[in-house]
Amino acid sequence: MSTLHTEQPHPDHAGLDRYDTVTLVHALVADQARAAQAVQASGADIARAVDAAAPRLRAGGRLIYVGAGTSGRLGLLDSVELNPTFSWPRERSPALLAGGERALFVAVEGAEDNCEAAVADMVAAQPTPNDVVLLLAASGTTPYAIAAAGAARSAGALTIGMANNPGTPLLAACEIAITLDTGPELISGSTRLKAGTAQKIALNTFSSAVMVRLNKVYGNLMVDLRATNAKLAQRALRLTIAATGADEDRARTALQASGQRVKVAVVMLKAGIDAASAEARLEAAQGSVHQALA
């Protein structure tokens, strides 16, 4: 652990506890900027992961998130948000968190070191060769994530490792390694800071890029969202208008006929067809609005 970048004392802020409050806040915010830089540096590896994951998910696979502590919670957050954002089925983005559901709210002592539990959790998830398993650990040394990676690879699933220290065991255990080298934390070892921020950015980038490749976006419009509340219903209306140029009444009518599905409403309005025909076109085009309209 003493050699890990994330565990080193920050060389520039040895007197952090003596800063006045304004200086302290500025220092914390400025250090977070390195998170985005670390993700930018790993862009080629993230792109490789997207290109490897998309065909498997298109063939019916799942995106399975695995982690412990902060990393596990960030993975769970990304998995949960795929459904309202892209209508990705909940059962196709499970999250395995060391210590189980209780670990969402309290630290479960020893959970991240339990390799047997990791293997059991992964076996219970029944991974297949079409599944994509995303394994997260800031240190890159978490036994739970490493053991889960081995079990997933044994089942033939694609494994993608994400860690904040280069050359670590988790990255070596996965087929695709994404290194987010954020360096020392401003508060030494507190990887919920910029290491966690980098993981959040990388997860957003990876899952969003995958969903674009799976035709969940038209232009840059989020046309596959699930309108589950009043705010999202208004967003669906605005997106339909933006995508088609239709007035509000026509857009609202199309959305009602389509069951509040923006993508179907867009094809209806642009192609001048009914909801059933628009849905059939989209199914034949694997969800691509461009191809459905061609």
C-alpha atoms as a PDB file:
ATOM      1  CA  MET A   1       0.000   0.000   0.000  1.00  0.00           C
ATOM      2  CA  SER A   2       2.880   2.361   0.707  1.00  0.00           C
ATOM      3  CA  THR A   3       3.775   2.466  -3.000  1.00  0.00           C
ATOM      4  CA  LEU A   4       0.293   3.338  -4.255  1.00  0.00           C
ATOM      5  CA  HIS A   5      -0.045   6.872  -5.596  1.00  0.00           C
ATOM      6  CA  THR A   6      -3.394   7.356  -3.858  1.00  0.00           C
ATOM      7  CA  GLU A   7      -1.828   6.567  -0.472  1.00  0.00           C
ATOM      8  CA  GLN A   8       0.992   9.100  -0.629  1.00  0.00           C
ATOM      9  CA  PRO A   9       0.829  12.358   1.355  1.00  0.00           C
ATOM     10  CA  HIS A  10       0.139  15.295  -0.959  1.00  0.00           C
ATOM     11  CA  PRO A  11       3.430  17.179  -1.455  1.00  0.00           C
ATOM     12  CA  ASP A  12       1.839  20.613  -1.794  1.00  0.00           C
ATOM     13  CA  HIS A  13      -0.476  20.819   1.203  1.00  0.00           C
ATOM     14  CA  ALA A  14       1.321  19.645   4.326  1.00  0.00           C
ATOM     15  CA  GLY A  15      -0.247  22.509   6.293  1.00  0.00           C
ATOM     16  CA  LEU A  16      -3.807  21.874   5.134  1.00  0.00           C
ATOM     17  CA  ASP A  17      -5.268  21.948   8.658  1.00  0.00           C
ATOM     18  CA  ARG A  18      -3.927  25.479   9.191  1.00  0.00           C
ATOM     19  CA  TYR A  19      -5.444  27.027   6.047  1.00  0.00           C
ATOM     20  CA  ASP A  20      -8.111  29.682   6.467  1.00  0.00           C
ATOM     21  CA  THR A  21     -11.492  28.460   5.240  1.00  0.00           C
ATOM     22  CA  VAL A  22     -11.444  30.205   1.859  1.00  0.00           C
ATOM     23  CA  THR A  23      -7.975  28.847   1.072  1.00  0.00           C
ATOM     24  CA  LEU A  24      -9.017  25.387   2.254  1.00  0.00           C
ATOM     25  CA  VAL A  25     -12.068  25.328  -0.006  1.00  0.00           C
ATOM     26  CA  HIS A  26     -10.121  26.582  -3.024  1.00  0.00           C
ATOM     27  CA  ALA A  27      -7.422  23.959  -2.448  1.00  0.00           C
ATOM     28  CA  LEU A  28      -9.985  21.147  -2.281  1.00  0.00           C
ATOM     29  CA  VAL A  29     -11.762  22.319  -5.413  1.00  0.00           C
ATOM     30  CA  ALA A  30      -8.552  22.885  -7.372  1.00  0.00           C
ATOM     31  CA  ASP A  31      -7.290  19.400  -6.558  1.00  0.00           C
ATOM     32  CA  GLN A  32     -10.514  17.902  -7.941  1.00  0.00           C
ATOM     33  CA  ALA A  33      -9.603  19.273 -11.380  1.00  0.00           C
ATOM     34  CA  ARG A  34      -6.995  16.526 -11.657  1.00  0.00           C
ATOM     35  CA  ALA A  35      -9.800  13.969 -11.730  1.00  0.00           C
ATOM     36  CA  ALA A  36     -10.966  15.150 -15.148  1.00  0.00           C
ATOM     37  CA  GLN A  37      -7.384  15.230 -16.395  1.00  0.00           C
ATOM     38  CA  ALA A  38      -6.865  11.625 -15.308  1.00  0.00           C
ATOM     39  CA  VAL A  39      -9.989  10.496 -17.154  1.00  0.00           C
ATOM     40  CA  GLN A  40      -8.945  12.426 -20.255  1.00  0.00           C
ATOM     41  CA  ALA A  41      -5.578  10.638 -20.210  1.00  0.00           C
ATOM     42  CA  SER A  42      -7.369   7.277 -20.156  1.00  0.00           C
ATOM     43  CA  GLY A  43      -9.663   8.143 -23.073  1.00  0.00           C
ATOM     44  CA  ALA A  44      -8.214   5.582 -25.494  1.00  0.00           C
ATOM     45  CA  ASP A  45      -8.721   2.749 -23.002  1.00  0.00           C
ATOM     46  CA  ILE A  46     -12.282   3.863 -22.234  1.00  0.00           C
ATOM     47  CA  ALA A  47     -13.010   3.923 -25.982  1.00  0.00           C
ATOM     48  CA  ARG A  48     -11.596   0.401 -26.326  1.00  0.00           C
ATOM     49  CA  ALA A  49     -13.868  -0.731 -23.496  1.00  0.00           C
ATOM     50  CA  VAL A  50     -16.908   0.852 -25.167  1.00  0.00           C
ATOM     51  CA  ASP A  51     -16.174  -0.830 -28.502  1.00  0.00           C
ATOM     52  CA  ALA A  52     -15.703  -4.198 -26.812  1.00  0.00           C
ATOM     53  CA  ALA A  53     -18.815  -3.865 -24.636  1.00  0.00           C
ATOM     54  CA  ALA A  54     -21.365  -2.602 -27.165  1.00  0.00           C
ATOM     55  CA  PRO A  55     -21.618  -5.759 -29.338  1.00  0.00           C
ATOM     56  CA  ARG A  56     -22.092  -7.968 -26.281  1.00  0.00           C
ATOM     57  CA  LEU A  57     -24.801  -5.732 -24.862  1.00  0.00           C
ATOM     58  CA  ARG A  58     -26.456  -5.504 -28.272  1.00  0.00           C
ATOM     59  CA  ALA A  59     -26.580  -9.303 -28.273  1.00  0.00           C
ATOM     60  CA  GLY A  60     -28.534  -9.292 -25.006  1.00  0.00           C
ATOM     61  CA  GLY A  61     -25.773  -9.147 -22.402  1.00  0.00           C
ATOM     62  CA  ARG A  62     -25.819  -7.308 -19.096  1.00  0.00           C
ATOM     63  CA  LEU A  63     -23.603  -4.613 -17.653  1.00  0.00           C
ATOM     64  CA  ILE A  64     -22.601  -5.876 -14.198  1.00  0.00           C
ATOM     65  CA  TYR A  65     -20.937  -3.463 -11.762  1.00  0.00           C
ATOM     66  CA  VAL A  66     -18.675  -4.755  -8.978  1.00  0.00           C
ATOM     67  CA  GLY A  67     -16.904  -2.904  -6.181  1.00  0.00           C
ATOM     68  CA  ALA A  68     -16.450  -2.213  -2.491  1.00  0.00           C
ATOM     69  CA  GLY A  69     -16.917   0.937  -0.438  1.00  0.00           C
ATOM     70  CA  THR A  70     -17.002   4.208  -2.384  1.00  0.00           C
ATOM     71  CA  SER A  71     -16.172   2.472  -5.663  1.00  0.00           C
ATOM     72  CA  GLY A  72     -18.995  -0.004  -5.215  1.00  0.00           C
ATOM     73  CA  ARG A  73     -21.479   2.737  -4.378  1.00  0.00           C
ATOM     74  CA  LEU A  74     -20.442   4.722  -7.449  1.00  0.00           C
ATOM     75  CA  GLY A  75     -20.942   1.632  -9.598  1.00  0.00           C
ATOM     76  CA  LEU A  76     -24.385   1.093  -8.110  1.00  0.00           C
ATOM     77  CA  LEU A  77     -25.293   4.740  -8.781  1.00  0.00           C
ATOM     78  CA  ASP A  78     -24.332   4.410 -12.444  1.00  0.00           C
ATOM     79  CA  SER A  79     -26.289   1.178 -12.780  1.00  0.00           C
ATOM     80  CA  VAL A  80     -29.452   2.682 -11.283  1.00  0.00           C
ATOM     81  CA  GLU A  81     -29.371   5.762 -13.519  1.00  0.00           C
ATOM     82  CA  LEU A  82     -29.304   3.791 -16.782  1.00  0.00           C
ATOM     83  CA  ASN A  83     -32.996   2.970 -16.581  1.00  0.00           C
ATOM     84  CA  PRO A  84     -34.543   6.470 -16.302  1.00  0.00           C
ATOM     85  CA  THR A  85     -31.936   7.971 -18.625  1.00  0.00           C
ATOM     86  CA  PHE A  86     -31.865   5.382 -21.411  1.00  0.00           C
ATOM     87  CA  SER A  87     -34.717   2.956 -20.615  1.00  0.00           C
ATOM     88  CA  TRP A  88     -32.062   0.302 -20.045  1.00  0.00           C
ATOM     89  CA  PRO A  89     -33.806  -2.645 -18.304  1.00  0.00           C
ATOM     90  CA  ARG A  90     -33.007  -2.730 -14.586  1.00  0.00           C
ATOM     91  CA  GLU A  91     -32.321  -6.461 -14.683  1.00  0.00           C
ATOM     92  CA  ARG A  92     -29.588  -5.837 -17.236  1.00  0.00           C
ATOM     93  CA  SER A  93     -27.491  -3.603 -14.980  1.00  0.00           C
ATOM     94  CA  PRO A  94     -27.084  -5.398 -11.630  1.00  0.00           C
ATOM     95  CA  ALA A  95     -24.530  -4.158  -9.114  1.00  0.00           C
ATOM     96  CA  LEU A  96     -22.541  -6.349  -6.722  1.00  0.00           C
ATOM     97  CA  LEU A  97     -21.380  -4.488  -3.624  1.00  0.00           C
ATOM     98  CA  ALA A  98     -19.028  -6.066  -1.091  1.00  0.00           C
ATOM     99  CA  GLY A  99     -21.044  -6.593   2.074  1.00  0.00           C
ATOM    100  CA  GLY A 100     -24.370  -6.536   0.249  1.00  0.00           C
ATOM    101  CA  GLU A 101     -27.126  -3.968   0.438  1.00  0.00           C
ATOM    102  CA  ARG A 102     -26.237  -3.033   4.032  1.00  0.00           C
ATOM    103  CA  ALA A 103     -22.885  -1.695   2.778  1.00  0.00           C
ATOM    104  CA  LEU A 104     -24.724   1.110   0.990  1.00  0.00           C
ATOM    105  CA  PHE A 105     -25.245   2.870   4.290  1.00  0.00           C
ATOM    106  CA  VAL A 106     -22.596   1.553   6.700  1.00  0.00           C
ATOM    107  CA  ALA A 107     -19.087   0.188   6.403  1.00  0.00           C
ATOM    108  CA  VAL A 108     -19.174  -3.609   6.579  1.00  0.00           C
ATOM    109  CA  GLU A 109     -15.913  -4.608   8.211  1.00  0.00           C
ATOM    110  CA  GLY A 110     -13.858  -7.093   6.230  1.00  0.00           C
ATOM    111  CA  ALA A 111     -16.276  -7.229   3.294  1.00  0.00           C
ATOM    112  CA  GLU A 112     -13.759  -5.949   0.754  1.00  0.00           C
ATOM    113  CA  ASP A 113     -11.283  -8.675   1.802  1.00  0.00           C
ATOM    114  CA  ASN A 114     -13.760 -11.545   1.412  1.00  0.00           C
ATOM    115  CA  CYS A 115     -12.738 -13.363  -1.758  1.00  0.00           C
ATOM    116  CA  GLU A 116     -15.097 -16.268  -1.102  1.00  0.00           C
ATOM    117  CA  ALA A 117     -18.071 -13.908  -0.958  1.00  0.00           C
ATOM    118  CA  ALA A 118     -16.956 -12.246  -4.198  1.00  0.00           C
ATOM    119  CA  VAL A 119     -16.838 -15.563  -6.042  1.00  0.00           C
ATOM    120  CA  ALA A 120     -20.188 -16.604  -4.564  1.00  0.00           C
ATOM    121  CA  ASP A 121     -21.773 -13.272  -5.543  1.00  0.00           C
ATOM    122  CA  MET A 122     -20.451 -13.537  -9.079  1.00  0.00           C
ATOM    123  CA  VAL A 123     -21.504 -17.173  -9.480  1.00  0.00           C
ATOM    124  CA  ALA A 124     -24.982 -16.235  -8.231  1.00  0.00           C
ATOM    125  CA  ALA A 125     -25.140 -13.516 -10.909  1.00  0.00           C
ATOM    126  CA  GLN A 126     -24.592 -16.253 -13.519  1.00  0.00           C
ATOM    127  CA  PRO A 127     -22.410 -14.279 -15.940  1.00  0.00           C
ATOM    128  CA  THR A 128     -22.403 -15.271 -19.605  1.00  0.00           C
ATOM    129  CA  PRO A 129     -20.041 -14.514 -22.514  1.00  0.00           C
ATOM    130  CA  ASN A 130     -22.336 -11.656 -23.570  1.00  0.00           C
ATOM    131  CA  ASP A 131     -22.092  -9.974 -20.183  1.00  0.00           C
ATOM    132  CA  VAL A 132     -19.770  -7.056 -19.457  1.00  0.00           C
ATOM    133  CA  VAL A 133     -18.399  -6.898 -15.914  1.00  0.00           C
ATOM    134  CA  LEU A 134     -17.069  -3.544 -14.742  1.00  0.00           C
ATOM    135  CA  LEU A 135     -14.794  -3.913 -11.701  1.00  0.00           C
ATOM    136  CA  LEU A 136     -13.980  -0.823  -9.648  1.00  0.00           C
ATOM    137  CA  ALA A 137     -11.367  -0.197  -6.966  1.00  0.00           C
ATOM    138  CA  ALA A 138      -9.518   3.031  -6.269  1.00  0.00           C
ATOM    139  CA  SER A 139      -6.494   1.180  -4.887  1.00  0.00           C
ATOM    140  CA  GLY A 140      -6.559  -1.520  -7.539  1.00  0.00           C
ATOM    141  CA  THR A 141      -5.787  -4.050  -4.817  1.00  0.00           C
ATOM    142  CA  THR A 142      -9.241  -4.812  -3.348  1.00  0.00           C
ATOM    143  CA  PRO A 143      -9.513  -8.610  -2.936  1.00  0.00           C
ATOM    144  CA  TYR A 144     -13.292  -8.653  -3.473  1.00  0.00           C
ATOM    145  CA  ALA A 145     -12.979  -6.985  -6.897  1.00  0.00           C
ATOM    146  CA  ILE A 146      -9.989  -9.102  -7.940  1.00  0.00           C
ATOM    147  CA  ALA A 147     -11.691 -12.377  -7.001  1.00  0.00           C
ATOM    148  CA  ALA A 148     -14.883 -11.309  -8.779  1.00  0.00           C
ATOM    149  CA  ALA A 149     -12.841 -10.541 -11.896  1.00  0.00           C
ATOM    150  CA  GLY A 150     -11.408 -14.050 -11.911  1.00  0.00           C
ATOM    151  CA  ALA A 151     -14.848 -15.620 -11.542  1.00  0.00           C
ATOM    152  CA  ALA A 152     -16.270 -13.446 -14.330  1.00  0.00           C
ATOM    153  CA  ARG A 153     -13.430 -14.297 -16.718  1.00  0.00           C
ATOM    154  CA  SER A 154     -13.862 -17.994 -15.973  1.00  0.00           C
ATOM    155  CA  ALA A 155     -17.453 -17.668 -17.160  1.00  0.00           C
ATOM    156  CA  GLY A 156     -16.326 -15.985 -20.385  1.00  0.00           C
ATOM    157  CA  ALA A 157     -17.646 -12.504 -19.575  1.00  0.00           C
ATOM    158  CA  LEU A 158     -15.776  -9.394 -20.696  1.00  0.00           C
ATOM    159  CA  THR A 159     -13.980  -7.850 -17.721  1.00  0.00           C
ATOM    160  CA  ILE A 160     -13.131  -4.149 -17.537  1.00  0.00           C
ATOM    161  CA  GLY A 161     -11.052  -2.974 -14.590  1.00  0.00           C
ATOM    162  CA  MET A 162     -10.992   0.611 -13.348  1.00  0.00           C
ATOM    163  CA  ALA A 163      -8.446   1.715 -10.731  1.00  0.00           C
ATOM    164  CA  ASN A 164      -6.602   4.857  -9.668  1.00  0.00           C
ATOM    165  CA  ASN A 165      -3.166   3.278  -9.377  1.00  0.00           C
ATOM    166  CA  PRO A 166      -1.227   1.943 -12.365  1.00  0.00           C
ATOM    167  CA  GLY A 167       0.147  -1.580 -12.490  1.00  0.00           C
ATOM    168  CA  THR A 168      -2.149  -2.926  -9.786  1.00  0.00           C
ATOM    169  CA  PRO A 169      -3.559  -6.481  -9.485  1.00  0.00           C
ATOM    170  CA  LEU A 170      -7.125  -5.594 -10.449  1.00  0.00           C
ATOM    171  CA  LEU A 171      -5.991  -4.066 -13.733  1.00  0.00           C
ATOM    172  CA  ALA A 172      -3.869  -7.144 -14.459  1.00  0.00           C
ATOM    173  CA  ALA A 173      -6.824  -9.423 -13.695  1.00  0.00           C
ATOM    174  CA  CYS A 174      -9.087  -7.785 -16.313  1.00  0.00           C
ATOM    175  CA  GLU A 175      -9.069  -7.965 -20.103  1.00  0.00           C
ATOM    176  CA  ILE A 176      -9.318  -4.200 -20.450  1.00  0.00           C
ATOM    177  CA  ALA A 177      -7.619  -1.924 -17.913  1.00  0.00           C
ATOM    178  CA  ILE A 178      -8.605   1.700 -17.338  1.00  0.00           C
ATOM    179  CA  THR A 179      -6.082   3.545 -15.183  1.00  0.00           C
ATOM    180  CA  LEU A 180      -7.271   6.794 -13.618  1.00  0.00           C
ATOM    181  CA  ASP A 181      -3.999   7.966 -12.107  1.00  0.00           C
ATOM    182  CA  THR A 182      -5.174  10.790  -9.858  1.00  0.00           C
ATOM    183  CA  GLY A 183      -2.102  10.797  -7.590  1.00  0.00           C
ATOM    184  CA  PRO A 184      -2.055  11.699  -3.890  1.00  0.00           C
ATOM    185  CA  GLU A 185      -5.229  12.944  -2.261  1.00  0.00           C
ATOM    186  CA  LEU A 186      -5.351  16.334  -0.601  1.00  0.00           C
ATOM    187  CA  ILE A 187      -6.386  14.478   2.556  1.00  0.00           C
ATOM    188  CA  SER A 188      -3.966  11.587   2.407  1.00  0.00           C
ATOM    189  CA  GLY A 189      -5.624   8.295   1.465  1.00  0.00           C
ATOM    190  CA  SER A 190      -9.174   9.680   1.264  1.00  0.00           C
ATOM    191  CA  THR A 191     -10.023   8.231  -2.132  1.00  0.00           C
ATOM    192  CA  ARG A 192     -13.627   9.464  -1.927  1.00  0.00           C
ATOM    193  CA  LEU A 193     -12.084  12.750  -3.115  1.00  0.00           C
ATOM    194  CA  LYS A 194     -10.565  13.050  -6.586  1.00  0.00           C
ATOM    195  CA  ALA A 195     -10.115   9.291  -7.039  1.00  0.00           C
ATOM    196  CA  GLY A 196     -13.860   8.898  -6.546  1.00  0.00           C
ATOM    197  CA  THR A 197     -14.573  11.913  -8.740  1.00  0.00           C
ATOM    198  CA  ALA A 198     -12.472  10.413 -11.539  1.00  0.00           C
ATOM    199  CA  GLN A 199     -14.342   7.133 -11.252  1.00  0.00           C
ATOM    200  CA  LYS A 200     -17.683   8.963 -11.475  1.00  0.00           C
ATOM    201  CA  ILE A 201     -16.565  10.847 -14.589  1.00  0.00           C
ATOM    202  CA  ALA A 202     -15.206   7.668 -16.167  1.00  0.00           C
ATOM    203  CA  LEU A 203     -18.378   5.717 -15.384  1.00  0.00           C
ATOM    204  CA  ASN A 204     -20.549   8.489 -16.849  1.00  0.00           C
ATOM    205  CA  THR A 205     -18.351   8.551 -19.936  1.00  0.00           C
ATOM    206  CA  PHE A 206     -18.256   4.793 -20.432  1.00  0.00           C
ATOM    207  CA  SER A 207     -21.942   4.047 -19.900  1.00  0.00           C
ATOM    208  CA  SER A 208     -23.121   7.103 -21.867  1.00  0.00           C
ATOM    209  CA  ALA A 209     -20.849   6.247 -24.803  1.00  0.00           C
ATOM    210  CA  VAL A 210     -22.107   2.656 -24.762  1.00  0.00           C
ATOM    211  CA  MET A 211     -25.709   3.869 -24.829  1.00  0.00           C
ATOM    212  CA  VAL A 212     -24.946   6.151 -27.781  1.00  0.00           C
ATOM    213  CA  ARG A 213     -23.520   3.124 -29.604  1.00  0.00           C
ATOM    214  CA  LEU A 214     -26.714   1.224 -28.776  1.00  0.00           C
ATOM    215  CA  ASN A 215     -28.824   3.917 -30.493  1.00  0.00           C
ATOM    216  CA  LYS A 216     -30.226   5.391 -27.293  1.00  0.00           C
ATOM    217  CA  VAL A 217     -29.446   8.927 -28.527  1.00  0.00           C
ATOM    218  CA  TYR A 218     -30.622  10.799 -31.637  1.00  0.00           C
ATOM    219  CA  GLY A 219     -28.209  13.576 -32.562  1.00  0.00           C
ATOM    220  CA  ASN A 220     -27.358  14.666 -29.049  1.00  0.00           C
ATOM    221  CA  LEU A 221     -30.893  14.246 -27.729  1.00  0.00           C
ATOM    222  CA  MET A 222     -31.758  11.756 -24.981  1.00  0.00           C
ATOM    223  CA  VAL A 223     -34.657  10.197 -26.875  1.00  0.00           C
ATOM    224  CA  ASP A 224     -34.872   6.891 -24.974  1.00  0.00           C
ATOM    225  CA  LEU A 225     -35.553   8.305 -21.523  1.00  0.00           C
ATOM    226  CA  ARG A 226     -38.319   6.881 -19.343  1.00  0.00           C
ATOM    227  CA  ALA A 227     -40.790   9.613 -18.358  1.00  0.00           C
ATOM    228  CA  THR A 228     -41.543   8.428 -14.825  1.00  0.00           C
ATOM    229  CA  ASN A 229     -42.451  11.790 -13.273  1.00  0.00           C
ATOM    230  CA  ALA A 230     -43.755  15.240 -14.187  1.00  0.00           C
ATOM    231  CA  LYS A 231     -40.273  16.674 -14.753  1.00  0.00           C
ATOM    232  CA  LEU A 232     -39.347  13.887 -17.152  1.00  0.00           C
ATOM    233  CA  ALA A 233     -42.687  14.176 -18.953  1.00  0.00           C
ATOM    234  CA  GLN A 234     -41.927  17.828 -19.651  1.00  0.00           C
ATOM    235  CA  ARG A 235     -38.423  16.857 -20.768  1.00  0.00           C
ATOM    236  CA  ALA A 236     -39.891  14.259 -23.121  1.00  0.00           C
ATOM    237  CA  LEU A 237     -42.099  16.936 -24.653  1.00  0.00           C
ATOM    238  CA  ARG A 238     -39.183  19.342 -25.110  1.00  0.00           C
ATOM    239  CA  LEU A 239     -37.037  16.618 -26.669  1.00  0.00           C
ATOM    240  CA  THR A 240     -39.766  15.631 -29.103  1.00  0.00           C
ATOM    241  CA  ILE A 241     -40.195  19.254 -30.197  1.00  0.00           C
ATOM    242  CA  ALA A 242     -36.425  19.735 -30.541  1.00  0.00           C
ATOM    243  CA  ALA A 243     -36.033  16.564 -32.617  1.00  0.00           C
ATOM    244  CA  THR A 244     -38.935  17.191 -34.981  1.00  0.00           C
ATOM    245  CA  GLY A 245     -39.733  20.898 -35.026  1.00  0.00           C
ATOM    246  CA  ALA A 246     -43.356  20.038 -34.300  1.00  0.00           C
ATOM    247  CA  ASP A 247     -45.482  22.431 -32.284  1.00  0.00           C
ATOM    248  CA  GLU A 248     -46.373  21.558 -28.705  1.00  0.00           C
ATOM    249  CA  ASP A 249     -49.842  20.210 -29.484  1.00  0.00           C
ATOM    250  CA  ARG A 250     -48.630  17.839 -32.210  1.00  0.00           C
ATOM    251  CA  ALA A 251     -45.720  16.683 -30.071  1.00  0.00           C
ATOM    252  CA  ARG A 252     -47.977  16.055 -27.079  1.00  0.00           C
ATOM    253  CA  THR A 253     -50.468  14.111 -29.220  1.00  0.00           C
ATOM    254  CA  ALA A 254     -47.700  11.938 -30.680  1.00  0.00           C
ATOM    255  CA  LEU A 255     -46.278  11.249 -27.231  1.00  0.00           C
ATOM    256  CA  GLN A 256     -49.682  10.191 -25.945  1.00  0.00           C
ATOM    257  CA  ALA A 257     -50.164   7.868 -28.921  1.00  0.00           C
ATOM    258  CA  SER A 258     -46.682   6.398 -28.445  1.00  0.00           C
ATOM    259  CA  GLY A 259     -47.087   5.687 -24.738  1.00  0.00           C
ATOM    260  CA  GLN A 260     -44.784   8.599 -23.829  1.00  0.00           C
ATOM    261  CA  ARG A 261     -41.892   7.088 -25.810  1.00  0.00           C
ATOM    262  CA  VAL A 262     -39.909   9.951 -27.319  1.00  0.00           C
ATOM    263  CA  LYS A 263     -38.135   7.843 -29.906  1.00  0.00           C
ATOM    264  CA  VAL A 264     -41.417   6.447 -31.274  1.00  0.00           C
ATOM    265  CA  ALA A 265     -43.008   9.900 -31.284  1.00  0.00           C
ATOM    266  CA  VAL A 266     -40.068  11.326 -33.230  1.00  0.00           C
ATOM    267  CA  VAL A 267     -40.355   8.698 -35.974  1.00  0.00           C
ATOM    268  CA  MET A 268     -44.125   9.153 -36.084  1.00  0.00           C
ATOM    269  CA  LEU A 269     -43.861  12.880 -36.605  1.00  0.00           C
ATOM    270  CA  LYS A 270     -40.920  12.900 -39.012  1.00  0.00           C
ATOM    271  CA  ALA A 271     -42.157   9.987 -41.130  1.00  0.00           C
ATOM    272  CA  GLY A 272     -45.876  10.825 -40.924  1.00  0.00           C
ATOM    273  CA  ILE A 273     -46.843   7.348 -39.691  1.00  0.00           C
ATOM    274  CA  ASP A 274     -48.736   5.889 -36.740  1.00  0.00           C
ATOM    275  CA  ALA A 275     -47.244   4.558 -33.516  1.00  0.00           C
ATOM    276  CA  ALA A 276     -47.335   0.878 -34.486  1.00  0.00           C
ATOM    277  CA  SER A 277     -45.551   1.547 -37.780  1.00  0.00           C
ATOM    278  CA  ALA A 278     -42.950   3.732 -36.067  1.00  0.00           C
ATOM    279  CA  GLU A 279     -42.304   1.059 -33.468  1.00  0.00           C
ATOM    280  CA  ALA A 280     -41.908  -1.583 -36.187  1.00  0.00           C
ATOM    281  CA  ARG A 281     -39.415   0.581 -38.053  1.00  0.00           C
ATOM    282  CA  LEU A 282     -37.379   1.170 -34.907  1.00  0.00           C
ATOM    283  CA  GLU A 283     -37.328  -2.527 -34.083  1.00  0.00           C
ATOM    284  CA  ALA A 284     -36.099  -3.358 -37.582  1.00  0.00           C
ATOM    285  CA  ALA A 285     -33.422  -0.653 -37.267  1.00  0.00           C
ATOM    286  CA  GLN A 286     -32.189  -1.896 -33.850  1.00  0.00           C
ATOM    287  CA  GLY A 287     -33.485   1.265 -32.248  1.00  0.00           C
ATOM    288  CA  SER A 288     -31.710   3.714 -34.554  1.00  0.00           C
ATOM    289  CA  VAL A 289     -33.907   6.724 -35.328  1.00  0.00           C
ATOM    290  CA  HIS A 290     -31.685   7.627 -38.291  1.00  0.00           C
ATOM    291  CA  GLN A 291     -32.125   4.182 -39.881  1.00  0.00           C
ATOM    292  CA  ALA A 292     -35.823   4.076 -39.071  1.00  0.00           C
ATOM    293  CA  LEU A 293     -36.266   7.314 -41.006  1.00  0.00           C
ATOM    294  CA  ALA A 294     -33.974   6.381 -43.900  1.00  0.00           C
END
